[in-house]
Amino acid sequence: MDFSAIEEEEEEEAWSATLKEEHRLTGSENRVLKKIFRPTREEVTGEWRRLYNVELLDLYSSPDVIRMIKSRRMRMVGHLTRMRKG
């Protein structure tokens, strides 16, 4: 029996994030960014308003949390794979 295939499937299940988790992480990131960048004043009306998510992403040019987590997970899987071979 090939246990390595079973182990790889278990790793994929343990490491994959569900869509619901991704939405939660994105929402949390946006809430933090909205607190950091504060409301902005409309030029035309002079009223204060919160920034839209698209505006936040323009101001904060770092990769989003989901991409960062996925890339670090892939790096870790590569590390674990190399450790098993060596």
N, C-alpha and C. Protein backbone atom coordinates (compact mmCIF):
# COMPACT_ATOMS: atom_id res chain seq x y z
N MET A 1 0.85 -1.18 0.00
CA MET A 1 0.00 0.00 0.00
C MET A 1 0.89 1.25 0.00
N ASP A 2 0.51 2.23 -0.79
CA ASP A 2 1.29 3.45 -0.94
C ASP A 2 0.80 4.50 0.07
N PHE A 3 1.51 4.62 1.18
CA PHE A 3 1.10 5.55 2.23
C PHE A 3 1.43 6.99 1.88
N SER A 4 2.41 7.20 1.00
CA SER A 4 2.79 8.58 0.66
C SER A 4 1.63 9.31 -0.04
N ALA A 5 0.86 8.59 -0.87
CA ALA A 5 -0.28 9.23 -1.53
C ALA A 5 -1.35 9.61 -0.52
N ILE A 6 -1.57 8.76 0.47
CA ILE A 6 -2.56 9.05 1.52
C ILE A 6 -2.10 10.24 2.34
N GLU A 7 -0.82 10.29 2.67
CA GLU A 7 -0.29 11.41 3.45
C GLU A 7 -0.42 12.72 2.68
N GLU A 8 -0.16 12.70 1.37
CA GLU A 8 -0.27 13.91 0.56
C GLU A 8 -1.71 14.41 0.52
N GLU A 9 -2.69 13.50 0.40
CA GLU A 9 -4.09 13.90 0.40
C GLU A 9 -4.47 14.52 1.74
N GLU A 10 -3.99 13.93 2.84
CA GLU A 10 -4.28 14.48 4.16
C GLU A 10 -3.67 15.87 4.31
N GLU A 11 -2.45 16.06 3.80
CA GLU A 11 -1.81 17.37 3.87
C GLU A 11 -2.61 18.41 3.09
N GLU A 12 -3.09 18.04 1.90
CA GLU A 12 -3.87 18.97 1.10
C GLU A 12 -5.14 19.38 1.83
N GLU A 13 -5.81 18.43 2.47
CA GLU A 13 -7.02 18.75 3.20
C GLU A 13 -6.72 19.66 4.38
N ALA A 14 -5.62 19.40 5.07
CA ALA A 14 -5.27 20.19 6.24
C ALA A 14 -4.85 21.60 5.86
N TRP A 15 -4.25 21.78 4.68
CA TRP A 15 -3.70 23.06 4.30
C TRP A 15 -4.64 23.92 3.48
N SER A 16 -5.67 23.34 2.89
CA SER A 16 -6.52 24.13 2.02
C SER A 16 -7.50 24.97 2.84
N ALA A 17 -7.64 26.21 2.47
CA ALA A 17 -8.58 27.11 3.13
C ALA A 17 -9.89 27.09 2.36
N THR A 18 -10.97 27.10 3.11
CA THR A 18 -12.27 27.12 2.45
C THR A 18 -12.59 28.54 2.00
N LEU A 19 -13.55 28.65 1.13
CA LEU A 19 -13.96 29.96 0.63
C LEU A 19 -14.49 30.82 1.77
N LYS A 20 -15.19 30.18 2.70
CA LYS A 20 -15.73 30.90 3.86
C LYS A 20 -14.60 31.50 4.70
N GLU A 21 -13.54 30.72 4.92
CA GLU A 21 -12.39 31.23 5.66
C GLU A 21 -11.72 32.38 4.93
N GLU A 22 -11.62 32.27 3.60
CA GLU A 22 -11.01 33.33 2.82
C GLU A 22 -11.82 34.62 2.93
N HIS A 23 -13.14 34.53 2.89
CA HIS A 23 -13.99 35.72 3.04
C HIS A 23 -13.82 36.34 4.42
N ARG A 24 -13.71 35.50 5.44
CA ARG A 24 -13.51 36.02 6.80
C ARG A 24 -12.18 36.75 6.92
N LEU A 25 -11.13 36.16 6.37
CA LEU A 25 -9.81 36.80 6.43
C LEU A 25 -9.79 38.12 5.67
N THR A 26 -10.41 38.13 4.49
CA THR A 26 -10.46 39.35 3.69
C THR A 26 -11.25 40.43 4.42
N GLY A 27 -12.36 40.04 5.02
CA GLY A 27 -13.17 41.00 5.78
C GLY A 27 -12.41 41.57 6.97
N SER A 28 -11.69 40.71 7.67
CA SER A 28 -10.90 41.17 8.81
C SER A 28 -9.81 42.14 8.37
N GLU A 29 -9.15 41.80 7.26
CA GLU A 29 -8.11 42.67 6.73
C GLU A 29 -8.69 44.04 6.37
N ASN A 30 -9.85 44.06 5.71
CA ASN A 30 -10.46 45.32 5.32
C ASN A 30 -10.89 46.15 6.53
N ARG A 31 -11.39 45.49 7.58
CA ARG A 31 -11.77 46.22 8.79
C ARG A 31 -10.56 46.90 9.43
N VAL A 32 -9.45 46.19 9.49
CA VAL A 32 -8.23 46.76 10.07
C VAL A 32 -7.75 47.94 9.22
N LEU A 33 -7.75 47.77 7.90
CA LEU A 33 -7.30 48.84 7.02
C LEU A 33 -8.21 50.06 7.12
N LYS A 34 -9.51 49.85 7.29
CA LYS A 34 -10.44 50.98 7.44
C LYS A 34 -10.16 51.75 8.71
N LYS A 35 -9.75 51.07 9.77
CA LYS A 35 -9.40 51.76 11.01
C LYS A 35 -8.08 52.53 10.85
N ILE A 36 -7.14 51.94 10.12
CA ILE A 36 -5.84 52.59 9.93
C ILE A 36 -5.98 53.84 9.07
N PHE A 37 -6.68 53.73 7.96
CA PHE A 37 -6.75 54.84 7.01
C PHE A 37 -7.87 55.84 7.32
N ARG A 38 -8.71 55.53 8.27
CA ARG A 38 -9.76 56.45 8.74
C ARG A 38 -10.70 56.91 7.63
N PRO A 39 -11.82 57.52 8.01
CA PRO A 39 -12.75 58.05 7.00
C PRO A 39 -12.14 59.21 6.21
N THR A 40 -12.70 59.47 5.07
CA THR A 40 -12.23 60.55 4.22
C THR A 40 -13.36 61.53 3.96
N ARG A 41 -13.01 62.74 3.65
CA ARG A 41 -14.02 63.77 3.40
C ARG A 41 -14.27 63.89 1.90
N GLU A 42 -15.55 63.83 1.52
CA GLU A 42 -15.94 64.00 0.12
C GLU A 42 -15.61 65.42 -0.33
N GLU A 43 -15.02 65.56 -1.50
CA GLU A 43 -14.64 66.88 -2.00
C GLU A 43 -15.86 67.71 -2.37
N VAL A 44 -16.88 67.08 -2.95
CA VAL A 44 -18.04 67.82 -3.44
C VAL A 44 -18.97 68.22 -2.29
N THR A 45 -19.36 67.24 -1.47
CA THR A 45 -20.35 67.50 -0.41
C THR A 45 -19.73 67.91 0.90
N GLY A 46 -18.48 67.56 1.13
CA GLY A 46 -17.82 67.88 2.39
C GLY A 46 -18.20 66.93 3.51
N GLU A 47 -18.92 65.86 3.21
CA GLU A 47 -19.33 64.89 4.23
C GLU A 47 -18.25 63.83 4.41
N TRP A 48 -18.18 63.30 5.63
CA TRP A 48 -17.24 62.23 5.93
C TRP A 48 -17.84 60.90 5.52
N ARG A 49 -17.01 60.01 4.99
CA ARG A 49 -17.46 58.66 4.63
C ARG A 49 -16.31 57.69 4.80
N ARG A 50 -16.69 56.41 4.95
CA ARG A 50 -15.67 55.36 5.01
C ARG A 50 -15.14 55.10 3.61
N LEU A 51 -13.92 54.60 3.57
CA LEU A 51 -13.32 54.25 2.29
C LEU A 51 -13.90 52.93 1.78
N TYR A 52 -14.06 52.82 0.48
CA TYR A 52 -14.50 51.57 -0.12
C TYR A 52 -13.32 50.60 -0.17
N ASN A 53 -13.63 49.31 -0.27
CA ASN A 53 -12.57 48.30 -0.28
C ASN A 53 -11.58 48.52 -1.42
N VAL A 54 -12.06 48.93 -2.58
CA VAL A 54 -11.18 49.18 -3.73
C VAL A 54 -10.22 50.32 -3.40
N GLU A 55 -10.71 51.36 -2.74
CA GLU A 55 -9.85 52.48 -2.36
C GLU A 55 -8.79 52.04 -1.36
N LEU A 56 -9.17 51.14 -0.43
CA LEU A 56 -8.21 50.63 0.54
C LEU A 56 -7.09 49.88 -0.15
N LEU A 57 -7.45 49.06 -1.13
CA LEU A 57 -6.44 48.29 -1.84
C LEU A 57 -5.50 49.20 -2.62
N ASP A 58 -6.01 50.33 -3.12
CA ASP A 58 -5.15 51.29 -3.81
C ASP A 58 -4.16 51.94 -2.84
N LEU A 59 -4.63 52.26 -1.63
CA LEU A 59 -3.77 52.90 -0.64
C LEU A 59 -2.75 51.93 -0.06
N TYR A 60 -3.17 50.71 0.15
CA TYR A 60 -2.33 49.69 0.77
C TYR A 60 -1.89 48.72 -0.31
N SER A 61 -0.70 48.89 -0.84
CA SER A 61 -0.27 48.15 -2.02
C SER A 61 0.46 46.84 -1.69
N SER A 62 0.21 46.28 -0.53
CA SER A 62 0.81 45.00 -0.16
C SER A 62 -0.09 43.87 -0.65
N PRO A 63 0.45 42.67 -0.90
CA PRO A 63 -0.41 41.57 -1.33
C PRO A 63 -1.43 41.23 -0.24
N ASP A 64 -2.60 40.79 -0.67
CA ASP A 64 -3.64 40.51 0.31
C ASP A 64 -3.29 39.28 1.15
N VAL A 65 -3.99 39.13 2.25
CA VAL A 65 -3.71 38.10 3.23
C VAL A 65 -3.82 36.70 2.62
N ILE A 66 -4.83 36.48 1.79
CA ILE A 66 -5.06 35.16 1.21
C ILE A 66 -3.87 34.73 0.36
N ARG A 67 -3.37 35.61 -0.49
CA ARG A 67 -2.22 35.27 -1.33
C ARG A 67 -0.98 34.99 -0.49
N MET A 68 -0.79 35.77 0.55
CA MET A 68 0.37 35.58 1.41
C MET A 68 0.30 34.23 2.12
N ILE A 69 -0.88 33.88 2.63
CA ILE A 69 -1.03 32.59 3.33
C ILE A 69 -0.80 31.44 2.36
N LYS A 70 -1.38 31.53 1.16
CA LYS A 70 -1.21 30.45 0.19
C LYS A 70 0.25 30.29 -0.21
N SER A 71 0.96 31.39 -0.42
CA SER A 71 2.36 31.28 -0.82
C SER A 71 3.20 30.69 0.30
N ARG A 72 2.92 31.06 1.55
CA ARG A 72 3.68 30.50 2.67
C ARG A 72 3.37 29.03 2.88
N ARG A 73 2.12 28.66 2.64
CA ARG A 73 1.76 27.24 2.76
C ARG A 73 2.48 26.42 1.69
N MET A 74 2.53 26.96 0.46
CA MET A 74 3.23 26.25 -0.61
C MET A 74 4.72 26.12 -0.29
N ARG A 75 5.30 27.16 0.29
CA ARG A 75 6.70 27.12 0.68
C ARG A 75 6.92 26.04 1.74
N MET A 76 6.00 25.94 2.70
CA MET A 76 6.11 24.95 3.76
C MET A 76 5.97 23.53 3.20
N VAL A 77 5.04 23.32 2.27
CA VAL A 77 4.86 22.01 1.66
C VAL A 77 6.14 21.61 0.91
N GLY A 78 6.73 22.55 0.20
CA GLY A 78 7.98 22.27 -0.49
C GLY A 78 9.08 21.90 0.49
N HIS A 79 9.13 22.60 1.59
CA HIS A 79 10.13 22.32 2.63
C HIS A 79 9.92 20.91 3.19
N LEU A 80 8.67 20.56 3.51
CA LEU A 80 8.38 19.24 4.06
C LEU A 80 8.70 18.14 3.05
N THR A 81 8.42 18.40 1.78
CA THR A 81 8.71 17.41 0.74
C THR A 81 10.21 17.17 0.64
N ARG A 82 11.00 18.25 0.67
CA ARG A 82 12.46 18.09 0.60
C ARG A 82 13.00 17.36 1.84
N MET A 83 12.40 17.60 2.99
CA MET A 83 12.86 16.94 4.21
C MET A 83 12.61 15.43 4.16
N ARG A 84 11.48 15.03 3.58
CA ARG A 84 11.16 13.60 3.49
C ARG A 84 12.11 12.88 2.54
N LYS A 85 12.50 13.56 1.46
CA LYS A 85 13.40 12.94 0.47
C LYS A 85 14.82 12.82 1.01
N GLY A 86 15.22 13.79 1.80
CA GLY A 86 16.61 13.84 2.25
C GLY A 86 16.85 13.26 3.54
